[in-house]
Amino acid sequence: MHYVYVVECADGTYYTGYTTDPDRRVEEHNDGTGAKYTRGRTPVELVHAESYRSKSAAMSREYEIKSLSRRQKERLVGEG
């Protein structure tokens, strides 16, 4: 499976990414080996995840989520 995930950083910002293993990816973010954006914003907490059968579908959804406004992301996270 392929996943799109949203983590909330310690500073209250959201980071959206793609992975095949959300738990491992969150650990990587918190260990400082994840995305450059999250390195100075740990700890991060997984607040939303969606699964897809194909990588392309997950990557398309990642792009959609990254294009959302802060308010729209808050609604998405609240629904999850």
PDB file of N, CA and C in Angstrom:
ATOM      1  N   MET A   1       0.840  -1.192   0.000  1.00  0.00           N
ATOM      2  CA  MET A   1       0.000   0.000   0.000  1.00  0.00           C
ATOM      3  C   MET A   1       0.878   1.247   0.000  1.00  0.00           C
ATOM      4  N   HIS A   2       0.271   2.321  -0.466  1.00  0.00           N
ATOM      5  CA  HIS A   2       0.942   3.619  -0.531  1.00  0.00           C
ATOM      6  C   HIS A   2       0.119   4.596   0.294  1.00  0.00           C
ATOM      7  N   TYR A   3       0.790   5.449   1.035  1.00  0.00           N
ATOM      8  CA  TYR A   3       0.108   6.333   1.975  1.00  0.00           C
ATOM      9  C   TYR A   3       0.490   7.790   1.759  1.00  0.00           C
ATOM     10  N   VAL A   4      -0.487   8.643   1.977  1.00  0.00           N
ATOM     11  CA  VAL A   4      -0.272  10.071   2.096  1.00  0.00           C
ATOM     12  C   VAL A   4      -0.558  10.370   3.560  1.00  0.00           C
ATOM     13  N   TYR A   5       0.312  11.134   4.184  1.00  0.00           N
ATOM     14  CA  TYR A   5       0.144  11.403   5.604  1.00  0.00           C
ATOM     15  C   TYR A   5       0.346  12.880   5.895  1.00  0.00           C
ATOM     16  N   VAL A   6      -0.238  13.297   7.008  1.00  0.00           N
ATOM     17  CA  VAL A   6      -0.041  14.657   7.501  1.00  0.00           C
ATOM     18  C   VAL A   6       0.422  14.526   8.943  1.00  0.00           C
ATOM     19  N   VAL A   7       1.523  15.206   9.247  1.00  0.00           N
ATOM     20  CA  VAL A   7       1.986  15.268  10.632  1.00  0.00           C
ATOM     21  C   VAL A   7       1.852  16.709  11.103  1.00  0.00           C
ATOM     22  N   GLU A   8       1.589  16.850  12.391  1.00  0.00           N
ATOM     23  CA  GLU A   8       1.614  18.169  12.998  1.00  0.00           C
ATOM     24  C   GLU A   8       2.940  18.311  13.706  1.00  0.00           C
ATOM     25  N   CYS A   9       3.640  19.379  13.391  1.00  0.00           N
ATOM     26  CA  CYS A   9       4.954  19.631  13.972  1.00  0.00           C
ATOM     27  C   CYS A   9       4.797  20.320  15.333  1.00  0.00           C
ATOM     28  N   ALA A  10       5.865  20.332  16.096  1.00  0.00           N
ATOM     29  CA  ALA A  10       5.848  20.932  17.427  1.00  0.00           C
ATOM     30  C   ALA A  10       5.470  22.409  17.387  1.00  0.00           C
ATOM     31  N   ASP A  11       5.758  23.086  16.274  1.00  0.00           N
ATOM     32  CA  ASP A  11       5.420  24.512  16.173  1.00  0.00           C
ATOM     33  C   ASP A  11       3.999  24.741  15.657  1.00  0.00           C
ATOM     34  N   GLY A  12       3.210  23.660  15.502  1.00  0.00           N
ATOM     35  CA  GLY A  12       1.820  23.779  15.078  1.00  0.00           C
ATOM     36  C   GLY A  12       1.612  23.763  13.577  1.00  0.00           C
ATOM     37  N   THR A  13       2.683  23.670  12.799  1.00  0.00           N
ATOM     38  CA  THR A  13       2.543  23.610  11.342  1.00  0.00           C
ATOM     39  C   THR A  13       2.280  22.168  10.910  1.00  0.00           C
ATOM     40  N   TYR A  14       1.794  22.028   9.688  1.00  0.00           N
ATOM     41  CA  TYR A  14       1.527  20.716   9.126  1.00  0.00           C
ATOM     42  C   TYR A  14       2.547  20.399   8.042  1.00  0.00           C
ATOM     43  N   TYR A  15       2.913  19.131   7.965  1.00  0.00           N
ATOM     44  CA  TYR A  15       3.767  18.648   6.891  1.00  0.00           C
ATOM     45  C   TYR A  15       3.051  17.467   6.249  1.00  0.00           C
ATOM     46  N   THR A  16       2.980  17.458   4.932  1.00  0.00           N
ATOM     47  CA  THR A  16       2.328  16.383   4.182  1.00  0.00           C
ATOM     48  C   THR A  16       3.384  15.631   3.392  1.00  0.00           C
ATOM     49  N   GLY A  17       3.295  14.305   3.388  1.00  0.00           N
ATOM     50  CA  GLY A  17       4.257  13.504   2.665  1.00  0.00           C
ATOM     51  C   GLY A  17       3.669  12.199   2.160  1.00  0.00           C
ATOM     52  N   TYR A  18       4.514  11.451   1.467  1.00  0.00           N
ATOM     53  CA  TYR A  18       4.163  10.153   0.895  1.00  0.00           C
ATOM     54  C   TYR A  18       5.091   9.103   1.506  1.00  0.00           C
ATOM     55  N   THR A  19       4.555   7.899   1.726  1.00  0.00           N
ATOM     56  CA  THR A  19       5.370   6.810   2.252  1.00  0.00           C
ATOM     57  C   THR A  19       4.680   5.477   1.996  1.00  0.00           C
ATOM     58  N   THR A  20       5.417   4.394   2.214  1.00  0.00           N
ATOM     59  CA  THR A  20       4.813   3.062   2.192  1.00  0.00           C
ATOM     60  C   THR A  20       4.658   2.536   3.619  1.00  0.00           C
ATOM     61  N   ASP A  21       5.178   3.284   4.598  1.00  0.00           N
ATOM     62  CA  ASP A  21       5.114   2.866   6.011  1.00  0.00           C
ATOM     63  C   ASP A  21       5.011   4.106   6.903  1.00  0.00           C
ATOM     64  N   PRO A  22       3.785   4.531   7.233  1.00  0.00           N
ATOM     65  CA  PRO A  22       3.610   5.761   8.014  1.00  0.00           C
ATOM     66  C   PRO A  22       4.314   5.745   9.375  1.00  0.00           C
ATOM     67  N   ASP A  23       4.270   4.636  10.084  1.00  0.00           N
ATOM     68  CA  ASP A  23       4.907   4.580  11.409  1.00  0.00           C
ATOM     69  C   ASP A  23       6.420   4.792  11.302  1.00  0.00           C
ATOM     70  N   ARG A  24       7.043   4.117  10.360  1.00  0.00           N
ATOM     71  CA  ARG A  24       8.483   4.277  10.156  1.00  0.00           C
ATOM     72  C   ARG A  24       8.815   5.711   9.770  1.00  0.00           C
ATOM     73  N   ARG A  25       7.982   6.288   8.912  1.00  0.00           N
ATOM     74  CA  ARG A  25       8.253   7.643   8.431  1.00  0.00           C
ATOM     75  C   ARG A  25       8.156   8.666   9.558  1.00  0.00           C
ATOM     76  N   VAL A  26       7.178   8.517  10.425  1.00  0.00           N
ATOM     77  CA  VAL A  26       7.054   9.423  11.573  1.00  0.00           C
ATOM     78  C   VAL A  26       8.282   9.289  12.472  1.00  0.00           C
ATOM     79  N   GLU A  27       8.740   8.061  12.689  1.00  0.00           N
ATOM     80  CA  GLU A  27       9.964   7.847  13.472  1.00  0.00           C
ATOM     81  C   GLU A  27      11.141   8.563  12.825  1.00  0.00           C
ATOM     82  N   GLU A  28      11.252   8.475  11.502  1.00  0.00           N
ATOM     83  CA  GLU A  28      12.338   9.151  10.796  1.00  0.00           C
ATOM     84  C   GLU A  28      12.272  10.663  10.992  1.00  0.00           C
ATOM     85  N   HIS A  29      11.066  11.207  10.908  1.00  0.00           N
ATOM     86  CA  HIS A  29      10.920  12.650  11.144  1.00  0.00           C
ATOM     87  C   HIS A  29      11.385  13.003  12.555  1.00  0.00           C
ATOM     88  N   ASN A  30      10.962  12.222  13.523  1.00  0.00           N
ATOM     89  CA  ASN A  30      11.314  12.515  14.912  1.00  0.00           C
ATOM     90  C   ASN A  30      12.782  12.252  15.228  1.00  0.00           C
ATOM     91  N   ASP A  31      13.419  11.369  14.473  1.00  0.00           N
ATOM     92  CA  ASP A  31      14.857  11.100  14.650  1.00  0.00           C
ATOM     93  C   ASP A  31      15.724  12.141  13.948  1.00  0.00           C
ATOM     94  N   GLY A  32      15.105  13.004  13.157  1.00  0.00           N
ATOM     95  CA  GLY A  32      15.862  14.011  12.432  1.00  0.00           C
ATOM     96  C   GLY A  32      16.366  13.540  11.086  1.00  0.00           C
ATOM     97  N   THR A  33      15.925  12.352  10.653  1.00  0.00           N
ATOM     98  CA  THR A  33      16.363  11.825   9.360  1.00  0.00           C
ATOM     99  C   THR A  33      15.266  11.924   8.302  1.00  0.00           C
ATOM    100  N   GLY A  34      14.167  12.576   8.660  1.00  0.00           N
ATOM    101  CA  GLY A  34      13.069  12.751   7.715  1.00  0.00           C
ATOM    102  C   GLY A  34      13.285  13.982   6.865  1.00  0.00           C
ATOM    103  N   ALA A  35      12.225  14.606   6.479  1.00  0.00           N
ATOM    104  CA  ALA A  35      12.286  15.781   5.613  1.00  0.00           C
ATOM    105  C   ALA A  35      13.002  16.942   6.292  1.00  0.00           C
ATOM    106  N   LYS A  36      13.675  17.725   5.493  1.00  0.00           N
ATOM    107  CA  LYS A  36      14.402  18.882   6.007  1.00  0.00           C
ATOM    108  C   LYS A  36      13.460  19.827   6.768  1.00  0.00           C
ATOM    109  N   TYR A  37      12.232  19.975   6.274  1.00  0.00           N
ATOM    110  CA  TYR A  37      11.260  20.863   6.901  1.00  0.00           C
ATOM    111  C   TYR A  37      11.000  20.490   8.356  1.00  0.00           C
ATOM    112  N   THR A  38      10.930  19.200   8.647  1.00  0.00           N
ATOM    113  CA  THR A  38      10.550  18.777   9.997  1.00  0.00           C
ATOM    114  C   THR A  38      11.726  18.699  10.968  1.00  0.00           C
ATOM    115  N   ARG A  39      12.942  18.786  10.481  1.00  0.00           N
ATOM    116  CA  ARG A  39      14.122  18.598  11.348  1.00  0.00           C
ATOM    117  C   ARG A  39      14.173  19.544  12.527  1.00  0.00           C
ATOM    118  N   GLY A  40      13.814  20.776  12.356  1.00  0.00           N
ATOM    119  CA  GLY A  40      13.836  21.730  13.462  1.00  0.00           C
ATOM    120  C   GLY A  40      12.495  21.898  14.133  1.00  0.00           C
ATOM    121  N   ARG A  41      11.549  21.032  13.793  1.00  0.00           N
ATOM    122  CA  ARG A  41      10.179  21.182  14.293  1.00  0.00           C
ATOM    123  C   ARG A  41       9.684  19.926  15.009  1.00  0.00           C
ATOM    124  N   THR A  42      10.584  19.158  15.560  1.00  0.00           N
ATOM    125  CA  THR A  42      10.189  17.924  16.251  1.00  0.00           C
ATOM    126  C   THR A  42       9.809  18.231  17.689  1.00  0.00           C
ATOM    127  N   PRO A  43       9.010  17.369  18.308  1.00  0.00           N
ATOM    128  CA  PRO A  43       8.490  16.134  17.733  1.00  0.00           C
ATOM    129  C   PRO A  43       7.298  16.399  16.817  1.00  0.00           C
ATOM    130  N   VAL A  44       7.077  15.447  15.910  1.00  0.00           N
ATOM    131  CA  VAL A  44       5.910  15.505  15.041  1.00  0.00           C
ATOM    132  C   VAL A  44       4.946  14.402  15.458  1.00  0.00           C
ATOM    133  N   GLU A  45       3.685  14.622  15.157  1.00  0.00           N
ATOM    134  CA  GLU A  45       2.645  13.648  15.494  1.00  0.00           C
ATOM    135  C   GLU A  45       1.798  13.379  14.257  1.00  0.00           C
ATOM    136  N   LEU A  46       1.571  12.120  13.948  1.00  0.00           N
ATOM    137  CA  LEU A  46       0.729  11.747  12.819  1.00  0.00           C
ATOM    138  C   LEU A  46      -0.714  12.132  13.137  1.00  0.00           C
ATOM    139  N   VAL A  47      -1.316  12.961  12.271  1.00  0.00           N
ATOM    140  CA  VAL A  47      -2.681  13.413  12.524  1.00  0.00           C
ATOM    141  C   VAL A  47      -3.649  12.997  11.425  1.00  0.00           C
ATOM    142  N   HIS A  48      -3.117  12.495  10.298  1.00  0.00           N
ATOM    143  CA  HIS A  48      -4.000  12.074   9.202  1.00  0.00           C
ATOM    144  C   HIS A  48      -3.222  11.156   8.266  1.00  0.00           C
ATOM    145  N   ALA A  49      -3.892  10.119   7.769  1.00  0.00           N
ATOM    146  CA  ALA A  49      -3.286   9.229   6.775  1.00  0.00           C
ATOM    147  C   ALA A  49      -4.375   8.675   5.865  1.00  0.00           C
ATOM    148  N   GLU A  50      -4.028   8.514   4.610  1.00  0.00           N
ATOM    149  CA  GLU A  50      -4.921   7.922   3.618  1.00  0.00           C
ATOM    150  C   GLU A  50      -4.133   6.862   2.864  1.00  0.00           C
ATOM    151  N   SER A  51      -4.764   5.748   2.536  1.00  0.00           N
ATOM    152  CA  SER A  51      -4.065   4.681   1.815  1.00  0.00           C
ATOM    153  C   SER A  51      -4.580   4.576   0.384  1.00  0.00           C
ATOM    154  N   TYR A  52      -3.663   4.184  -0.505  1.00  0.00           N
ATOM    155  CA  TYR A  52      -3.967   4.040  -1.931  1.00  0.00           C
ATOM    156  C   TYR A  52      -3.278   2.800  -2.465  1.00  0.00           C
ATOM    157  N   ARG A  53      -3.854   2.210  -3.500  1.00  0.00           N
ATOM    158  CA  ARG A  53      -3.271   1.010  -4.104  1.00  0.00           C
ATOM    159  C   ARG A  53      -2.086   1.330  -5.012  1.00  0.00           C
ATOM    160  N   SER A  54      -2.082   2.538  -5.570  1.00  0.00           N
ATOM    161  CA  SER A  54      -0.990   2.871  -6.482  1.00  0.00           C
ATOM    162  C   SER A  54      -0.213   4.087  -5.978  1.00  0.00           C
ATOM    163  N   LYS A  55       1.052   4.090  -6.321  1.00  0.00           N
ATOM    164  CA  LYS A  55       1.914   5.211  -5.942  1.00  0.00           C
ATOM    165  C   LYS A  55       1.435   6.494  -6.620  1.00  0.00           C
ATOM    166  N   SER A  56       1.035   6.391  -7.864  1.00  0.00           N
ATOM    167  CA  SER A  56       0.615   7.586  -8.593  1.00  0.00           C
ATOM    168  C   SER A  56      -0.625   8.230  -7.972  1.00  0.00           C
ATOM    169  N   ALA A  57      -1.568   7.417  -7.510  1.00  0.00           N
ATOM    170  CA  ALA A  57      -2.762   7.958  -6.860  1.00  0.00           C
ATOM    171  C   ALA A  57      -2.381   8.657  -5.554  1.00  0.00           C
ATOM    172  N   ALA A  58      -1.484   8.048  -4.799  1.00  0.00           N
ATOM    173  CA  ALA A  58      -1.042   8.647  -3.538  1.00  0.00           C
ATOM    174  C   ALA A  58      -0.297   9.956  -3.790  1.00  0.00           C
ATOM    175  N   MET A  59       0.553   9.967  -4.794  1.00  0.00           N
ATOM    176  CA  MET A  59       1.320  11.178  -5.094  1.00  0.00           C
ATOM    177  C   MET A  59       0.401  12.306  -5.576  1.00  0.00           C
ATOM    178  N   SER A  60      -0.617  11.952  -6.323  1.00  0.00           N
ATOM    179  CA  SER A  60      -1.591  12.958  -6.768  1.00  0.00           C
ATOM    180  C   SER A  60      -2.324  13.555  -5.576  1.00  0.00           C
ATOM    181  N   ARG A  61      -2.710  12.697  -4.653  1.00  0.00           N
ATOM    182  CA  ARG A  61      -3.411  13.177  -3.454  1.00  0.00           C
ATOM    183  C   ARG A  61      -2.473  14.014  -2.581  1.00  0.00           C
ATOM    184  N   GLU A  62      -1.206  13.637  -2.493  1.00  0.00           N
ATOM    185  CA  GLU A  62      -0.232  14.434  -1.733  1.00  0.00           C
ATOM    186  C   GLU A  62      -0.183  15.853  -2.295  1.00  0.00           C
ATOM    187  N   TYR A  63      -0.129  15.960  -3.599  1.00  0.00           N
ATOM    188  CA  TYR A  63      -0.102  17.274  -4.249  1.00  0.00           C
ATOM    189  C   TYR A  63      -1.358  18.074  -3.913  1.00  0.00           C
ATOM    190  N   GLU A  64      -2.520  17.410  -3.948  1.00  0.00           N
ATOM    191  CA  GLU A  64      -3.783  18.085  -3.621  1.00  0.00           C
ATOM    192  C   GLU A  64      -3.752  18.630  -2.197  1.00  0.00           C
ATOM    193  N   ILE A  65      -3.312  17.806  -1.253  1.00  0.00           N
ATOM    194  CA  ILE A  65      -3.293  18.229   0.145  1.00  0.00           C
ATOM    195  C   ILE A  65      -2.306  19.375   0.346  1.00  0.00           C
ATOM    196  N   LYS A  66      -1.144  19.290  -0.282  1.00  0.00           N
ATOM    197  CA  LYS A  66      -0.153  20.359  -0.149  1.00  0.00           C
ATOM    198  C   LYS A  66      -0.682  21.680  -0.711  1.00  0.00           C
ATOM    199  N   SER A  67      -1.640  21.621  -1.625  1.00  0.00           N
ATOM    200  CA  SER A  67      -2.218  22.821  -2.224  1.00  0.00           C
ATOM    201  C   SER A  67      -3.324  23.440  -1.378  1.00  0.00           C
ATOM    202  N   LEU A  68      -3.767  22.736  -0.339  1.00  0.00           N
ATOM    203  CA  LEU A  68      -4.846  23.240   0.507  1.00  0.00           C
ATOM    204  C   LEU A  68      -4.368  24.389   1.385  1.00  0.00           C
ATOM    205  N   SER A  69      -5.301  25.240   1.766  1.00  0.00           N
ATOM    206  CA  SER A  69      -4.993  26.311   2.713  1.00  0.00           C
ATOM    207  C   SER A  69      -4.875  25.717   4.120  1.00  0.00           C
ATOM    208  N   ARG A  70      -4.360  26.481   5.023  1.00  0.00           N
ATOM    209  CA  ARG A  70      -4.236  26.038   6.420  1.00  0.00           C
ATOM    210  C   ARG A  70      -5.613  25.630   6.957  1.00  0.00           C
ATOM    211  N   ARG A  71      -6.613  26.448   6.727  1.00  0.00           N
ATOM    212  CA  ARG A  71      -7.971  26.162   7.220  1.00  0.00           C
ATOM    213  C   ARG A  71      -8.506  24.848   6.635  1.00  0.00           C
ATOM    214  N   GLN A  72      -8.272  24.624   5.353  1.00  0.00           N
ATOM    215  CA  GLN A  72      -8.728  23.381   4.716  1.00  0.00           C
ATOM    216  C   GLN A  72      -7.988  22.183   5.299  1.00  0.00           C
ATOM    217  N   LYS A  73      -6.705  22.324   5.581  1.00  0.00           N
ATOM    218  CA  LYS A  73      -5.952  21.232   6.199  1.00  0.00           C
ATOM    219  C   LYS A  73      -6.467  20.954   7.603  1.00  0.00           C
ATOM    220  N   GLU A  74      -6.828  21.991   8.338  1.00  0.00           N
ATOM    221  CA  GLU A  74      -7.390  21.802   9.675  1.00  0.00           C
ATOM    222  C   GLU A  74      -8.689  21.004   9.607  1.00  0.00           C
ATOM    223  N   ARG A  75      -9.517  21.306   8.613  1.00  0.00           N
ATOM    224  CA  ARG A  75     -10.761  20.541   8.436  1.00  0.00           C
ATOM    225  C   ARG A  75     -10.466  19.088   8.088  1.00  0.00           C
ATOM    226  N   LEU A  76      -9.494  18.860   7.198  1.00  0.00           N
ATOM    227  CA  LEU A  76      -9.127  17.514   6.798  1.00  0.00           C
ATOM    228  C   LEU A  76      -8.646  16.716   8.008  1.00  0.00           C
ATOM    229  N   VAL A  77      -7.786  17.320   8.788  1.00  0.00           N
ATOM    230  CA  VAL A  77      -7.236  16.654   9.986  1.00  0.00           C
ATOM    231  C   VAL A  77      -8.352  16.391  10.993  1.00  0.00           C
ATOM    232  N   GLY A  78      -9.278  17.333  11.134  1.00  0.00           N
ATOM    233  CA  GLY A  78     -10.389  17.174  12.068  1.00  0.00           C
ATOM    234  C   GLY A  78     -11.321  16.048  11.691  1.00  0.00           C
ATOM    235  N   GLU A  79     -11.461  15.805  10.379  1.00  0.00           N
ATOM    236  CA  GLU A  79     -12.327  14.732   9.900  1.00  0.00           C
ATOM    237  C   GLU A  79     -11.683  13.371  10.093  1.00  0.00           C
ATOM    238  N   GLY A  80     -10.351  13.348  10.097  1.00  0.00           N
ATOM    239  CA  GLY A  80      -9.627  12.080  10.189  1.00  0.00           C
ATOM    240  C   GLY A  80      -9.645  11.568  11.583  1.00  0.00           C
TER     241      GLY A  80
END
